[in-house]
Amino acid sequence: MKYDLTGMKFNRLTVIKEHGRNYKDSVVWECLCECGKTTFATSSDLRNGHKKSCGCLKRVSHALDLKGQRFGKLTVKKRVGTSQHRKALWRCKCDCGKMTTVSSVDLRSGNTKSCGCLGKSFAGRNLDLGGFWYENTCIKKR
C-alpha cells in the first residue's frame, strides 16, 4: 500500500516530495529538516521513527544544565563549549574569586572542587601542621 506523506511532519523532518525508490523498491522521500538541510528517508523509516532528522540530532548536546549549581568551592556560571572528547565545558567562579573552566564530568564526579586554591591551601596546612589533609581533617604523621 502506498501512502502519500507529502507535507507530513515526522520528528524534525517535513516531507517535501517523493524522490523515487531505493534498491529494495521502497519509496524514498525528500525531507526538509528543522535545521534547514535536506535529507532522504523511506516511508517505513519515517513512520516508525528510525529517521528523526538529517543527522543534526546527533550533534545536539544532551548535557545537563549545571548553571547556578555548586560543586565544592565552584559555582557554575555558564556553558562555554565542548571539549575535544565531547564533554560539556562550564565556566565556574571559585569562592576565592578566580574563574576556571571545568568539564561536567569533573564537576559531577568531584574530581574538581576548586580553581586550584583548595589544593594549595591543603599543601600549606600540611607544611604548617606536619600532617596531611583528608576531606578537611588533618591526620598527623607518626
Protein backbone atom coordinates (compact mmCIF):
# COMPACT_ATOMS: atom_id res chain seq x y z
CA MET A 1 0.00 0.00 0.00
CA LYS A 2 1.37 3.42 -0.94
CA TYR A 3 0.98 6.35 1.44
CA ASP A 4 1.28 9.98 0.36
CA LEU A 5 3.39 11.54 3.09
CA THR A 6 3.85 14.92 1.37
CA GLY A 7 3.52 17.75 3.90
CA MET A 8 3.52 15.43 6.90
CA LYS A 9 5.94 16.01 9.79
CA PHE A 10 7.93 13.25 11.47
CA ASN A 11 10.01 14.43 14.43
CA ARG A 12 12.26 17.15 12.91
CA LEU A 13 11.54 16.18 9.28
CA THR A 14 8.83 17.57 6.99
CA VAL A 15 8.21 15.55 3.82
CA ILE A 16 8.63 17.68 0.69
CA LYS A 17 8.06 15.21 -2.15
CA GLU A 18 8.54 11.66 -3.32
CA HIS A 19 12.09 11.17 -4.60
CA GLY A 20 11.87 7.68 -6.08
CA ARG A 21 12.57 4.14 -4.97
CA ASN A 22 15.62 2.52 -3.38
CA TYR A 23 17.23 -0.83 -4.20
CA LYS A 24 14.64 -2.63 -2.02
CA ASP A 25 11.86 -0.97 -4.03
CA SER A 26 10.81 1.14 -1.02
CA VAL A 27 9.53 4.66 -1.62
CA VAL A 28 12.13 7.29 -0.73
CA TRP A 29 11.01 10.76 0.33
CA GLU A 30 12.86 14.06 0.17
CA CYS A 31 12.52 15.76 3.56
CA LEU A 32 13.38 19.16 4.98
CA CYS A 33 14.87 19.12 8.46
CA GLU A 34 14.18 21.85 11.04
CA CYS A 35 17.86 22.81 10.83
CA GLY A 36 17.37 23.69 7.13
CA LYS A 37 19.12 20.74 5.50
CA THR A 38 17.53 18.32 3.06
CA THR A 39 17.70 14.57 3.57
CA PHE A 40 16.09 11.41 2.21
CA ALA A 41 14.19 8.68 4.04
CA THR A 42 11.97 5.71 3.30
CA SER A 43 8.31 5.64 4.30
CA SER A 44 8.87 2.98 6.93
CA ASP A 45 11.85 4.81 8.48
CA LEU A 46 9.76 7.95 8.82
CA ARG A 47 6.64 6.23 10.19
CA ASN A 48 8.42 4.02 12.75
CA GLY A 49 10.77 6.79 13.94
CA HIS A 50 14.05 5.30 12.72
CA LYS A 51 14.81 8.55 10.85
CA LYS A 52 14.20 11.62 13.02
CA SER A 53 16.47 14.26 11.48
CA CYS A 54 19.13 14.85 8.84
CA GLY A 55 21.69 13.83 11.46
CA CYS A 56 21.68 17.10 13.35
CA LEU A 57 20.11 15.45 16.42
CA LYS A 58 23.37 13.54 16.93
CA ARG A 59 25.21 16.85 17.12
CA VAL A 60 22.81 18.41 19.64
CA SER A 61 24.21 18.35 23.14
CA HIS A 62 22.31 16.36 25.71
CA ALA A 63 24.39 17.72 28.57
CA LEU A 64 22.66 18.57 31.81
CA ASP A 65 22.27 22.26 32.54
CA LEU A 66 24.54 22.87 35.53
CA LYS A 67 24.17 26.67 35.54
CA GLY A 68 23.85 28.02 39.09
CA GLN A 69 24.82 24.74 40.79
CA ARG A 70 27.67 24.47 43.32
CA PHE A 71 30.38 21.83 43.32
CA GLY A 72 32.81 22.23 46.19
CA LYS A 73 34.01 25.84 46.04
CA LEU A 74 32.85 26.28 42.43
CA THR A 75 29.63 27.94 41.27
CA VAL A 76 28.72 27.21 37.64
CA LYS A 77 28.12 30.42 35.65
CA LYS A 78 27.61 29.33 32.03
CA ARG A 79 28.38 26.71 29.40
CA VAL A 80 31.33 27.67 27.23
CA GLY A 81 31.55 24.81 24.76
CA THR A 82 32.62 21.23 24.34
CA SER A 83 35.99 19.59 24.90
CA GLN A 84 37.82 17.60 22.22
CA HIS A 85 36.44 14.49 23.96
CA ARG A 86 32.85 15.79 23.51
CA LYS A 87 32.36 16.70 27.19
CA ALA A 88 30.47 19.85 28.13
CA LEU A 89 32.70 22.64 29.44
CA TRP A 90 31.48 25.09 32.08
CA ARG A 91 32.81 28.48 33.23
CA CYS A 92 32.84 28.46 37.03
CA LYS A 93 33.59 31.02 39.70
CA CYS A 94 35.57 29.84 42.70
CA ASP A 95 34.90 31.13 46.23
CA CYS A 96 38.37 32.73 46.09
CA GLY A 97 37.16 34.91 43.17
CA LYS A 98 39.01 33.25 40.28
CA MET A 99 37.24 31.95 37.17
CA THR A 100 38.03 28.50 35.75
CA THR A 101 36.72 26.19 33.03
CA VAL A 102 35.80 22.64 34.05
CA SER A 103 34.13 19.70 32.29
CA SER A 104 30.77 18.49 33.56
CA VAL A 105 32.30 15.06 34.21
CA ASP A 106 34.93 16.53 36.55
CA LEU A 107 32.36 18.68 38.34
CA ARG A 108 29.81 15.93 38.91
CA SER A 109 32.37 13.27 39.90
CA GLY A 110 34.05 15.54 42.44
CA ASN A 111 37.42 15.42 40.66
CA THR A 112 37.48 19.23 40.55
CA LYS A 113 36.27 21.17 43.60
CA SER A 114 38.06 24.50 43.14
CA CYS A 115 40.19 26.55 40.76
CA GLY A 116 43.26 25.00 42.37
CA CYS A 117 43.25 27.11 45.51
CA LEU A 118 41.87 24.23 47.58
CA GLY A 119 44.91 22.08 46.85
CA LYS A 120 47.24 24.98 47.58
CA SER A 121 45.57 25.64 50.94
CA PHE A 122 45.84 21.94 51.86
CA ALA A 123 49.52 21.95 50.88
CA GLY A 124 50.12 24.95 53.16
CA ARG A 125 48.33 23.24 56.03
CA ASN A 126 50.40 20.11 55.52
CA LEU A 127 53.62 22.05 55.94
CA ASP A 128 52.33 24.03 58.92
CA LEU A 129 50.90 21.09 60.82
CA GLY A 130 53.31 18.33 59.83
CA GLY A 131 50.47 16.10 58.67
CA PHE A 132 48.27 15.68 55.63
CA TRP A 133 44.67 16.65 54.95
CA TYR A 134 41.94 14.24 54.01
CA GLU A 135 38.45 15.69 53.50
CA ASN A 136 39.01 18.69 55.79
CA THR A 137 40.56 16.58 58.56
CA CYS A 138 44.24 16.77 59.46
CA ILE A 139 45.91 13.44 60.08
CA LYS A 140 49.24 13.83 61.88
CA LYS A 141 52.26 11.91 60.74
CA ARG A 142 53.55 9.41 63.28
